[in-house]
C-alpha atoms as a PDB file:
ATOM      1  CA  MET A   1     -35.897 -48.016  13.733  1.00  0.00           C
ATOM      2  CA  ALA A   2     -36.507 -45.949  16.956  1.00  0.00           C
ATOM      3  CA  ASP A   3     -32.835 -46.461  17.209  1.00  0.00           C
ATOM      4  CA  SER A   4     -32.301 -45.040  13.519  1.00  0.00           C
ATOM      5  CA  HIS A   5     -34.977 -41.913  14.663  1.00  0.00           C
ATOM      6  CA  SER A   6     -33.297 -40.820  17.510  1.00  0.00           C
ATOM      7  CA  SER A   7     -29.684 -40.792  16.125  1.00  0.00           C
ATOM      8  CA  VAL A   8     -31.118 -38.394  13.431  1.00  0.00           C
ATOM      9  CA  GLN A   9     -33.183 -36.367  15.290  1.00  0.00           C
ATOM     10  CA  PRO A  10     -30.288 -34.384  17.425  1.00  0.00           C
ATOM     11  CA  ASN A  11     -28.394 -33.544  14.974  1.00  0.00           C
ATOM     12  CA  ALA A  12     -31.222 -31.642  12.881  1.00  0.00           C
ATOM     13  CA  ASN A  13     -31.589 -29.973  16.016  1.00  0.00           C
ATOM     14  CA  ALA A  14     -28.004 -28.852  16.140  1.00  0.00           C
ATOM     15  CA  THR A  15     -28.395 -28.072  12.627  1.00  0.00           C
ATOM     16  CA  ALA A  16     -31.077 -25.494  13.266  1.00  0.00           C
ATOM     17  CA  ASP A  17     -29.659 -23.987  16.518  1.00  0.00           C
ATOM     18  CA  GLY A  18     -26.634 -23.408  14.561  1.00  0.00           C
ATOM     19  CA  PHE A  19     -28.286 -21.424  11.742  1.00  0.00           C
ATOM     20  CA  ALA A  20     -30.346 -19.508  14.645  1.00  0.00           C
ATOM     21  CA  ASP A  21     -27.124 -18.693  15.808  1.00  0.00           C
ATOM     22  CA  ASP A  22     -25.531 -17.505  12.621  1.00  0.00           C
ATOM     23  CA  GLN A  23     -28.618 -15.350  11.728  1.00  0.00           C
ATOM     24  CA  THR A  24     -28.234 -14.047  15.501  1.00  0.00           C
ATOM     25  CA  LEU A  25     -24.542 -13.283  14.711  1.00  0.00           C
ATOM     26  CA  LYS A  26     -25.054 -11.331  11.170  1.00  0.00           C
ATOM     27  CA  TYR A  27     -28.115  -9.131  13.156  1.00  0.00           C
ATOM     28  CA  ILE A  28     -25.666  -7.960  15.649  1.00  0.00           C
ATOM     29  CA  GLY A  29     -22.556  -7.586  12.439  1.00  0.00           C
ATOM     30  CA  VAL A  30     -25.476  -5.406  10.696  1.00  0.00           C
ATOM     31  CA  GLY A  31     -26.162  -3.035  14.020  1.00  0.00           C
ATOM     32  CA  LEU A  32     -23.047  -2.701  14.921  1.00  0.00           C
ATOM     33  CA  SER A  33     -21.352  -1.475  11.798  1.00  0.00           C
ATOM     34  CA  SER A  34     -24.907   0.393  10.886  1.00  0.00           C
ATOM     35  CA  LEU A  35     -23.724   1.966  14.697  1.00  0.00           C
ATOM     36  CA  PHE A  36     -20.596   2.680  13.691  1.00  0.00           C
ATOM     37  CA  ALA A  37     -21.226   3.880  10.322  1.00  0.00           C
ATOM     38  CA  LEU A  38     -23.754   6.394  11.799  1.00  0.00           C
ATOM     39  CA  GLY A  39     -21.986   7.530  14.419  1.00  0.00           C
ATOM     40  CA  VAL A  40     -18.952   8.741  12.092  1.00  0.00           C
ATOM     41  CA  ALA A  41     -21.516  10.199   9.339  1.00  0.00           C
ATOM     42  CA  LEU A  42     -23.039  12.596  12.343  1.00  0.00           C
ATOM     43  CA  LEU A  43     -19.625  13.581  13.367  1.00  0.00           C
ATOM     44  CA  ILE A  44     -18.514  14.264   9.759  1.00  0.00           C
ATOM     45  CA  LEU A  45     -21.295  16.300   9.701  1.00  0.00           C
ATOM     46  CA  TYR A  46     -21.034  18.108  12.860  1.00  0.00           C
ATOM     47  CA  ILE A  47     -17.228  19.124  11.875  1.00  0.00           C
ATOM     48  CA  LEU A  48     -18.277  20.088   8.572  1.00  0.00           C
ATOM     49  CA  ALA A  49     -21.356  22.176   9.825  1.00  0.00           C
ATOM     50  CA  THR A  50     -19.932  23.924  12.758  1.00  0.00           C
ATOM     51  CA  GLU A  51     -15.367  23.321  12.949  1.00  0.00           C
ATOM     52  CA  VAL A  52     -14.795  24.052   9.503  1.00  0.00           C
ATOM     53  CA  ASN A  53     -14.312  27.975   8.278  1.00  0.00           C
ATOM     54  CA  TYR A  54     -15.503  27.939   4.561  1.00  0.00           C
ATOM     55  CA  GLY A  55     -14.552  31.869   4.530  1.00  0.00           C
ATOM     56  CA  LEU A  56     -10.418  30.742   4.827  1.00  0.00           C
ATOM     57  CA  ILE A  57     -11.061  28.174   2.405  1.00  0.00           C
ATOM     58  CA  PRO A  58     -10.211  30.352  -1.212  1.00  0.00           C
ATOM     59  CA  THR A  59      -7.263  31.909   0.705  1.00  0.00           C
ATOM     60  CA  ILE A  60      -5.309  28.560   1.948  1.00  0.00           C
ATOM     61  CA  LEU A  61      -6.426  26.570  -1.382  1.00  0.00           C
ATOM     62  CA  PRO A  62      -3.864  27.533  -3.334  1.00  0.00           C
ATOM     63  CA  GLN A  63      -1.084  26.390  -1.367  1.00  0.00           C
ATOM     64  CA  PHE A  64      -3.203  23.012  -0.582  1.00  0.00           C
ATOM     65  CA  ILE A  65      -3.139  22.562  -4.545  1.00  0.00           C
ATOM     66  CA  GLY A  66       0.657  23.339  -5.151  1.00  0.00           C
ATOM     67  CA  ALA A  67       1.057  20.759  -2.795  1.00  0.00           C
ATOM     68  CA  TYR A  68      -1.311  18.297  -3.785  1.00  0.00           C
ATOM     69  CA  GLY A  69       0.730  18.607  -6.987  1.00  0.00           C
ATOM     70  CA  LEU A  70       4.052  18.033  -5.734  1.00  0.00           C
ATOM     71  CA  VAL A  71       3.019  14.571  -3.753  1.00  0.00           C
ATOM     72  CA  LEU A  72       1.381  13.543  -6.937  1.00  0.00           C
ATOM     73  CA  GLY A  73       4.361  13.574  -8.672  1.00  0.00           C
ATOM     74  CA  ILE A  74       6.369  12.195  -5.895  1.00  0.00           C
ATOM     75  CA  VAL A  75       3.534   9.412  -5.872  1.00  0.00           C
ATOM     76  CA  VAL A  76       3.593   8.766  -9.209  1.00  0.00           C
ATOM     77  CA  THR A  77       7.619   8.756  -9.655  1.00  0.00           C
ATOM     78  CA  SER A  78       8.012   6.567  -6.385  1.00  0.00           C
ATOM     79  CA  SER A  79       5.612   4.262  -7.578  1.00  0.00           C
ATOM     80  CA  ILE A  80       6.937   3.607 -11.066  1.00  0.00           C
ATOM     81  CA  LEU A  81      10.078   3.223  -9.333  1.00  0.00           C
ATOM     82  CA  SER A  82       9.160   1.193  -6.484  1.00  0.00           C
ATOM     83  CA  VAL A  83       7.300  -1.424  -8.696  1.00  0.00           C
ATOM     84  CA  THR A  84       9.927  -1.851 -11.311  1.00  0.00           C
ATOM     85  CA  SER A  85      12.936  -2.154  -8.854  1.00  0.00           C
ATOM     86  CA  GLY A  86      10.689  -4.672  -6.660  1.00  0.00           C
ATOM     87  CA  ILE A  87       9.411  -6.734  -9.581  1.00  0.00           C
ATOM     88  CA  PHE A  88      14.041  -6.804  -9.794  1.00  0.00           C
ATOM     89  CA  VAL A  89      14.727  -7.683  -5.784  1.00  0.00           C
ATOM     90  CA  GLY A  90      11.589 -10.619  -5.882  1.00  0.00           C
ATOM     91  CA  LEU A  91      13.410 -12.411  -9.042  1.00  0.00           C
ATOM     92  CA  ALA A  92      16.617 -12.010  -6.939  1.00  0.00           C
ATOM     93  CA  ARG A  93      15.556 -13.466  -3.775  1.00  0.00           C
ATOM     94  CA  VAL A  94      14.457 -16.636  -5.939  1.00  0.00           C
ATOM     95  CA  SER A  95      17.977 -16.737  -7.745  1.00  0.00           C
ATOM     96  CA  LYS A  96      19.908 -20.255  -7.382  1.00  0.00           C
ATOM     97  CA  THR A  97      22.916 -18.000  -6.947  1.00  0.00           C
ATOM     98  CA  ARG A  98      23.061 -17.515  -3.694  1.00  0.00           C
ATOM     99  CA  LEU A  99      25.763 -14.508  -3.966  1.00  0.00           C
ATOM    100  CA  THR A 100      22.251 -12.783  -5.399  1.00  0.00           C
ATOM    101  CA  SER A 101      19.543 -14.397  -3.199  1.00  0.00           C
ATOM    102  CA  GLY A 102      21.812 -13.150  -0.347  1.00  0.00           C
ATOM    103  CA  ILE A 103      22.248  -9.355  -1.152  1.00  0.00           C
ATOM    104  CA  SER A 104      18.550  -9.100  -2.276  1.00  0.00           C
ATOM    105  CA  ALA A 105      17.512 -10.427   1.304  1.00  0.00           C
ATOM    106  CA  ALA A 106      19.868  -8.169   3.117  1.00  0.00           C
ATOM    107  CA  TYR A 107      18.109  -5.200   1.788  1.00  0.00           C
ATOM    108  CA  VAL A 108      14.850  -6.575   2.495  1.00  0.00           C
ATOM    109  CA  GLN A 109      16.206  -7.086   5.724  1.00  0.00           C
ATOM    110  CA  PHE A 110      17.077  -3.721   6.007  1.00  0.00           C
ATOM    111  CA  PHE A 111      14.367  -1.856   4.627  1.00  0.00           C
ATOM    112  CA  ARG A 112      11.868  -3.839   6.258  1.00  0.00           C
ATOM    113  CA  GLY A 113      13.525  -3.732   9.248  1.00  0.00           C
ATOM    114  CA  THR A 114      13.888   0.068  10.029  1.00  0.00           C
ATOM    115  CA  PRO A 115      11.210   2.914  10.253  1.00  0.00           C
ATOM    116  CA  LEU A 116      11.269   5.148   6.805  1.00  0.00           C
ATOM    117  CA  LEU A 117      11.388   7.757   9.085  1.00  0.00           C
ATOM    118  CA  PHE A 118      15.039   6.672   9.708  1.00  0.00           C
ATOM    119  CA  GLN A 119      15.775   6.059   5.905  1.00  0.00           C
ATOM    120  CA  ILE A 120      14.822   9.645   5.454  1.00  0.00           C
ATOM    121  CA  PHE A 121      17.229  10.801   7.992  1.00  0.00           C
ATOM    122  CA  VAL A 122      20.139   8.654   6.833  1.00  0.00           C
ATOM    123  CA  ILE A 123      19.536   9.890   3.241  1.00  0.00           C
ATOM    124  CA  TYR A 124      18.832  13.846   3.614  1.00  0.00           C
ATOM    125  CA  PHE A 125      21.782  13.925   6.719  1.00  0.00           C
ATOM    126  CA  GLY A 126      23.766  11.273   5.749  1.00  0.00           C
ATOM    127  CA  ILE A 127      24.863  10.942   2.210  1.00  0.00           C
ATOM    128  CA  PRO A 128      25.803  15.012   1.693  1.00  0.00           C
ATOM    129  CA  THR A 129      28.606  14.649   4.445  1.00  0.00           C
ATOM    130  CA  LEU A 130      30.121  11.629   2.480  1.00  0.00           C
ATOM    131  CA  TRP A 131      30.272  13.714  -0.599  1.00  0.00           C
ATOM    132  CA  PRO A 132      33.785  15.162  -0.883  1.00  0.00           C
ATOM    133  CA  GLY A 133      33.665  18.873  -0.574  1.00  0.00           C
ATOM    134  CA  LEU A 134      30.584  20.912  -1.023  1.00  0.00           C
ATOM    135  CA  PHE A 135      27.253  18.463  -1.995  1.00  0.00           C
ATOM    136  CA  PRO A 136      26.973  19.709  -5.432  1.00  0.00           C
ATOM    137  CA  ILE A 137      22.919  18.879  -5.487  1.00  0.00           C
ATOM    138  CA  GLN A 138      21.051  22.280  -3.415  1.00  0.00           C
ATOM    139  CA  ASN A 139      17.430  20.929  -3.223  1.00  0.00           C
ATOM    140  CA  TRP A 140      18.234  17.887  -1.718  1.00  0.00           C
ATOM    141  CA  GLY A 141      14.651  17.396   0.146  1.00  0.00           C
ATOM    142  CA  LEU A 142      12.889  15.967  -3.290  1.00  0.00           C
ATOM    143  CA  PRO A 143      15.519  13.300  -4.535  1.00  0.00           C
ATOM    144  CA  THR A 144      15.953  12.425  -0.828  1.00  0.00           C
ATOM    145  CA  ALA A 145      12.253  11.674  -0.536  1.00  0.00           C
ATOM    146  CA  ILE A 146      12.019   9.701  -4.052  1.00  0.00           C
ATOM    147  CA  ILE A 147      15.261   8.205  -3.316  1.00  0.00           C
ATOM    148  CA  ALA A 148      13.935   6.783   0.046  1.00  0.00           C
ATOM    149  CA  LEU A 149      10.266   5.792  -0.779  1.00  0.00           C
ATOM    150  CA  THR A 150      11.296   4.033  -3.525  1.00  0.00           C
ATOM    151  CA  LEU A 151      14.204   2.047  -1.680  1.00  0.00           C
ATOM    152  CA  ASN A 152      11.643   1.581   0.562  1.00  0.00           C
ATOM    153  CA  HIS A 153       8.630   0.708  -1.169  1.00  0.00           C
ATOM    154  CA  ALA A 154      10.673  -1.725  -3.191  1.00  0.00           C
ATOM    155  CA  ALA A 155      11.849  -3.986  -0.513  1.00  0.00           C
ATOM    156  CA  TYR A 156       8.104  -4.707   0.232  1.00  0.00           C
ATOM    157  CA  VAL A 157       7.450  -5.104  -3.620  1.00  0.00           C
ATOM    158  CA  GLY A 158      10.568  -7.260  -3.867  1.00  0.00           C
ATOM    159  CA  GLU A 159       8.797  -9.824  -1.050  1.00  0.00           C
ATOM    160  CA  ALA A 160       5.021  -9.509  -2.637  1.00  0.00           C
ATOM    161  CA  VAL A 161       6.780 -10.603  -5.879  1.00  0.00           C
ATOM    162  CA  ARG A 162       8.986 -13.365  -4.011  1.00  0.00           C
ATOM    163  CA  GLY A 163       5.459 -14.793  -2.551  1.00  0.00           C
ATOM    164  CA  GLY A 164       3.818 -14.686  -6.133  1.00  0.00           C
ATOM    165  CA  ILE A 165       6.982 -16.733  -7.815  1.00  0.00           C
ATOM    166  CA  GLY A 166       6.340 -19.230  -4.395  1.00  0.00           C
ATOM    167  CA  ALA A 167       2.854 -19.773  -5.356  1.00  0.00           C
ATOM    168  CA  VAL A 168       2.873 -20.549  -8.493  1.00  0.00           C
ATOM    169  CA  HIS A 169       2.676 -24.793  -9.132  1.00  0.00           C
ATOM    170  CA  ASP A 170       6.529 -26.348  -9.846  1.00  0.00           C
ATOM    171  CA  GLY A 171       5.124 -27.717 -12.943  1.00  0.00           C
ATOM    172  CA  GLN A 172       4.410 -24.746 -14.691  1.00  0.00           C
ATOM    173  CA  MET A 173       7.960 -23.953 -14.614  1.00  0.00           C
ATOM    174  CA  GLU A 174       8.667 -27.806 -15.733  1.00  0.00           C
ATOM    175  CA  ALA A 175       5.723 -28.404 -18.796  1.00  0.00           C
ATOM    176  CA  ALA A 176       7.933 -24.318 -19.974  1.00  0.00           C
ATOM    177  CA  ARG A 177      11.444 -26.202 -20.074  1.00  0.00           C
ATOM    178  CA  SER A 178       9.918 -29.554 -21.790  1.00  0.00           C
ATOM    179  CA  LEU A 179       8.575 -26.926 -24.196  1.00  0.00           C
ATOM    180  CA  GLY A 180      12.505 -25.918 -25.120  1.00  0.00           C
ATOM    181  CA  MET A 181      12.132 -22.901 -22.750  1.00  0.00           C
ATOM    182  CA  GLY A 182      15.572 -21.639 -21.071  1.00  0.00           C
ATOM    183  CA  TYR A 183      14.977 -20.701 -17.261  1.00  0.00           C
ATOM    184  CA  ILE A 184      14.907 -16.797 -18.127  1.00  0.00           C
ATOM    185  CA  GLN A 185      12.621 -17.179 -21.106  1.00  0.00           C
ATOM    186  CA  ALA A 186      10.174 -19.236 -19.101  1.00  0.00           C
ATOM    187  CA  MET A 187      10.160 -16.868 -15.692  1.00  0.00           C
ATOM    188  CA  ARG A 188       9.604 -13.977 -18.115  1.00  0.00           C
ATOM    189  CA  GLU A 189       6.883 -15.747 -20.016  1.00  0.00           C
ATOM    190  CA  VAL A 190       5.037 -18.113 -17.993  1.00  0.00           C
ATOM    191  CA  VAL A 191       6.116 -17.940 -14.212  1.00  0.00           C
ATOM    192  CA  VAL A 192       6.468 -13.974 -13.627  1.00  0.00           C
ATOM    193  CA  PRO A 193       3.160 -13.315 -15.433  1.00  0.00           C
ATOM    194  CA  GLN A 194       1.432 -15.864 -12.916  1.00  0.00           C
ATOM    195  CA  ALA A 195       3.448 -14.898  -9.832  1.00  0.00           C
ATOM    196  CA  TRP A 196       2.389 -11.023 -10.719  1.00  0.00           C
ATOM    197  CA  ARG A 197      -1.299 -11.634 -11.017  1.00  0.00           C
ATOM    198  CA  ASN A 198      -0.788 -13.008  -7.544  1.00  0.00           C
ATOM    199  CA  ALA A 199       1.367 -10.991  -6.034  1.00  0.00           C
ATOM    200  CA  LEU A 200      -1.349  -7.865  -7.379  1.00  0.00           C
ATOM    201  CA  ALA A 201      -3.295  -7.168  -3.922  1.00  0.00           C
ATOM    202  CA  ALA A 202      -0.161  -6.932  -1.559  1.00  0.00           C
ATOM    203  CA  VAL A 203       1.434  -4.633  -4.281  1.00  0.00           C
ATOM    204  CA  GLY A 204      -1.397  -2.066  -4.788  1.00  0.00           C
ATOM    205  CA  ASN A 205      -2.077  -2.018  -0.863  1.00  0.00           C
ATOM    206  CA  ASP A 206       1.835  -1.336  -1.244  1.00  0.00           C
ATOM    207  CA  GLN A 207       1.345   1.401  -2.810  1.00  0.00           C
ATOM    208  CA  ILE A 208      -1.404   3.273  -1.445  1.00  0.00           C
ATOM    209  CA  ILE A 209       0.737   2.747   2.099  1.00  0.00           C
ATOM    210  CA  LEU A 210       3.419   4.873   0.046  1.00  0.00           C
ATOM    211  CA  VAL A 211       0.913   7.833  -0.515  1.00  0.00           C
ATOM    212  CA  LYS A 212       0.441   8.314   2.940  1.00  0.00           C
ATOM    213  CA  ASP A 213       4.201   7.661   3.664  1.00  0.00           C
ATOM    214  CA  THR A 214       4.546  10.884   2.012  1.00  0.00           C
ATOM    215  CA  SER A 215       3.538  12.494   4.721  1.00  0.00           C
ATOM    216  CA  LEU A 216       6.594  12.088   6.498  1.00  0.00           C
ATOM    217  CA  LEU A 217       8.142  14.134   4.381  1.00  0.00           C
ATOM    218  CA  THR A 218       7.231  17.086   6.087  1.00  0.00           C
ATOM    219  CA  VAL A 219      10.568  16.368   8.588  1.00  0.00           C
ATOM    220  CA  ILE A 220      12.628  17.349   5.596  1.00  0.00           C
ATOM    221  CA  ALA A 221      10.672  20.325   5.033  1.00  0.00           C
ATOM    222  CA  ILE A 222       9.153  18.861   1.744  1.00  0.00           C
ATOM    223  CA  PRO A 223       5.902  21.609   1.352  1.00  0.00           C
ATOM    224  CA  GLU A 224       3.589  18.638   0.900  1.00  0.00           C
ATOM    225  CA  LEU A 225       0.043  18.617   2.484  1.00  0.00           C
ATOM    226  CA  ILE A 226       1.274  17.854   6.028  1.00  0.00           C
ATOM    227  CA  GLN A 227       3.428  20.919   6.083  1.00  0.00           C
ATOM    228  CA  GLN A 228       0.646  22.796   4.513  1.00  0.00           C
ATOM    229  CA  PHE A 229      -1.762  21.680   7.646  1.00  0.00           C
ATOM    230  CA  ARG A 230       0.832  22.966  10.236  1.00  0.00           C
ATOM    231  CA  ASP A 231       1.586  26.562   8.268  1.00  0.00           C
ATOM    232  CA  VAL A 232      -2.088  26.869   8.531  1.00  0.00           C
ATOM    233  CA  ASN A 233      -2.925  25.438  12.046  1.00  0.00           C
ATOM    234  CA  SER A 234      -0.171  27.866  13.355  1.00  0.00           C
ATOM    235  CA  ALA A 235      -1.208  30.652  11.552  1.00  0.00           C
ATOM    236  CA  THR A 236      -5.183  30.618  12.196  1.00  0.00           C
ATOM    237  CA  PHE A 237      -5.351  28.421  14.719  1.00  0.00           C
ATOM    238  CA  ASP A 238      -8.517  26.484  13.233  1.00  0.00           C
ATOM    239  CA  PRO A 239      -7.122  22.715  12.985  1.00  0.00           C
ATOM    240  CA  TRP A 240     -10.402  21.188  10.666  1.00  0.00           C
ATOM    241  CA  THR A 241     -10.604  23.635   8.463  1.00  0.00           C
ATOM    242  CA  PRO A 242      -6.946  22.260   6.486  1.00  0.00           C
ATOM    243  CA  ILE A 243      -7.593  18.604   8.134  1.00  0.00           C
ATOM    244  CA  VAL A 244     -10.819  18.345   5.722  1.00  0.00           C
ATOM    245  CA  LEU A 245      -8.304  19.440   3.401  1.00  0.00           C
ATOM    246  CA  VAL A 246      -5.419  17.385   4.039  1.00  0.00           C
ATOM    247  CA  ALA A 247      -8.255  14.241   3.787  1.00  0.00           C
ATOM    248  CA  ILE A 248      -9.864  15.021   0.706  1.00  0.00           C
ATOM    249  CA  ALA A 249      -7.016  15.329  -0.964  1.00  0.00           C
ATOM    250  CA  TYR A 250      -5.248  12.037   0.331  1.00  0.00           C
ATOM    251  CA  LEU A 251      -8.419  10.369  -0.556  1.00  0.00           C
ATOM    252  CA  SER A 252      -8.191  11.251  -4.084  1.00  0.00           C
ATOM    253  CA  ILE A 253      -5.527   9.727  -4.854  1.00  0.00           C
ATOM    254  CA  THR A 254      -5.703   6.473  -2.371  1.00  0.00           C
ATOM    255  CA  ILE A 255      -9.868   5.711  -3.470  1.00  0.00           C
ATOM    256  CA  PRO A 256      -8.818   5.565  -7.578  1.00  0.00           C
ATOM    257  CA  MET A 257      -5.745   3.820  -6.508  1.00  0.00           C
ATOM    258  CA  GLY A 258      -7.713   1.156  -5.046  1.00  0.00           C
ATOM    259  CA  ARG A 259     -10.548   1.122  -7.478  1.00  0.00           C
ATOM    260  CA  LEU A 260      -6.977   0.635 -10.038  1.00  0.00           C
ATOM    261  CA  VAL A 261      -6.430  -2.104  -7.975  1.00  0.00           C
ATOM    262  CA  GLU A 262      -9.412  -3.645  -8.154  1.00  0.00           C
ATOM    263  CA  TYR A 263      -9.823  -3.313 -11.572  1.00  0.00           C
ATOM    264  CA  LEU A 264      -6.573  -5.512 -12.852  1.00  0.00           C
ATOM    265  CA  GLU A 265      -7.777  -8.238 -10.326  1.00  0.00           C
ATOM    266  CA  ASN A 266     -10.916  -8.478 -12.090  1.00  0.00           C
ATOM    267  CA  ARG A 267      -9.118  -8.551 -15.744  1.00  0.00           C
ATOM    268  CA  GLY A 268      -6.164 -11.336 -14.379  1.00  0.00           C
ATOM    269  CA  ASP A 269      -9.452 -13.270 -12.802  1.00  0.00           C
ATOM    270  CA  TRP A 270      -8.353 -12.624  -9.622  1.00  0.00           C
ATOM    271  CA  GLY A 271      -9.386 -16.129  -6.970  1.00  0.00           C
ATOM    272  CA  GLY A 272      -8.864 -18.266 -10.459  1.00  0.00           C
ATOM    273  CA  ASP A 273      -6.472 -21.213 -10.351  1.00  0.00           C
ATOM    274  CA  ALA A 274      -3.504 -19.790 -11.227  1.00  0.00           C
ATOM    275  CA  ARG A 275      -1.887 -23.382 -11.097  1.00  0.00           C
END
């Protein structure tokens, strides 16, 4: 009996020590995160109180509103096109036809393997030189922006969809086929809805990245938010006033998008058993 008692006691001590370590780590984490949040808050308050020229805001606000509307239009158009195209890319990636899957794999490798800035340059500067004679589109910057963002992010959406399909249990397809469904019907009505739920978080994060990628369009003279910052900073030598407006503009798009993704995840019973 004594031996039995002595064998239990060290385990109890180890459990108590582990609990104490967990509590210590918890307090350290809370303390560090609180200090970080306090530091960021104090820095923001200092900038807003001392660095922002509030008298300049009414003068520059109209051009930022125009840039905001332009960015929003580009984001909405590119998001719709990239998600729609990405679904087809994902389906092509899991195709049983080697030619289809091979072409889609090459597409994904190119657009994920080269920088978006490079792709913008290829489309903006390269495509017009391939046109026989005078290029018919005068304002090529805006179409370039939409095409580049769509092609780039369709590759990432396609990989998210492919991963979502791979996470659906094979038994789902087998059950659908046993009910008399063809392959395409089973994919459309059984597999893809579950795959979309699996891929939703990755697709949502990618679309938030798409919003931030619009900042690269300044290199082809699209009058978006970063371009407005550069213009105001060059004219007034005031960096913080336009920086604050740019931050507010981007966050007013990305935060609602994040909330929308969370809402869709909850509606889809995210985290439940998809198998």
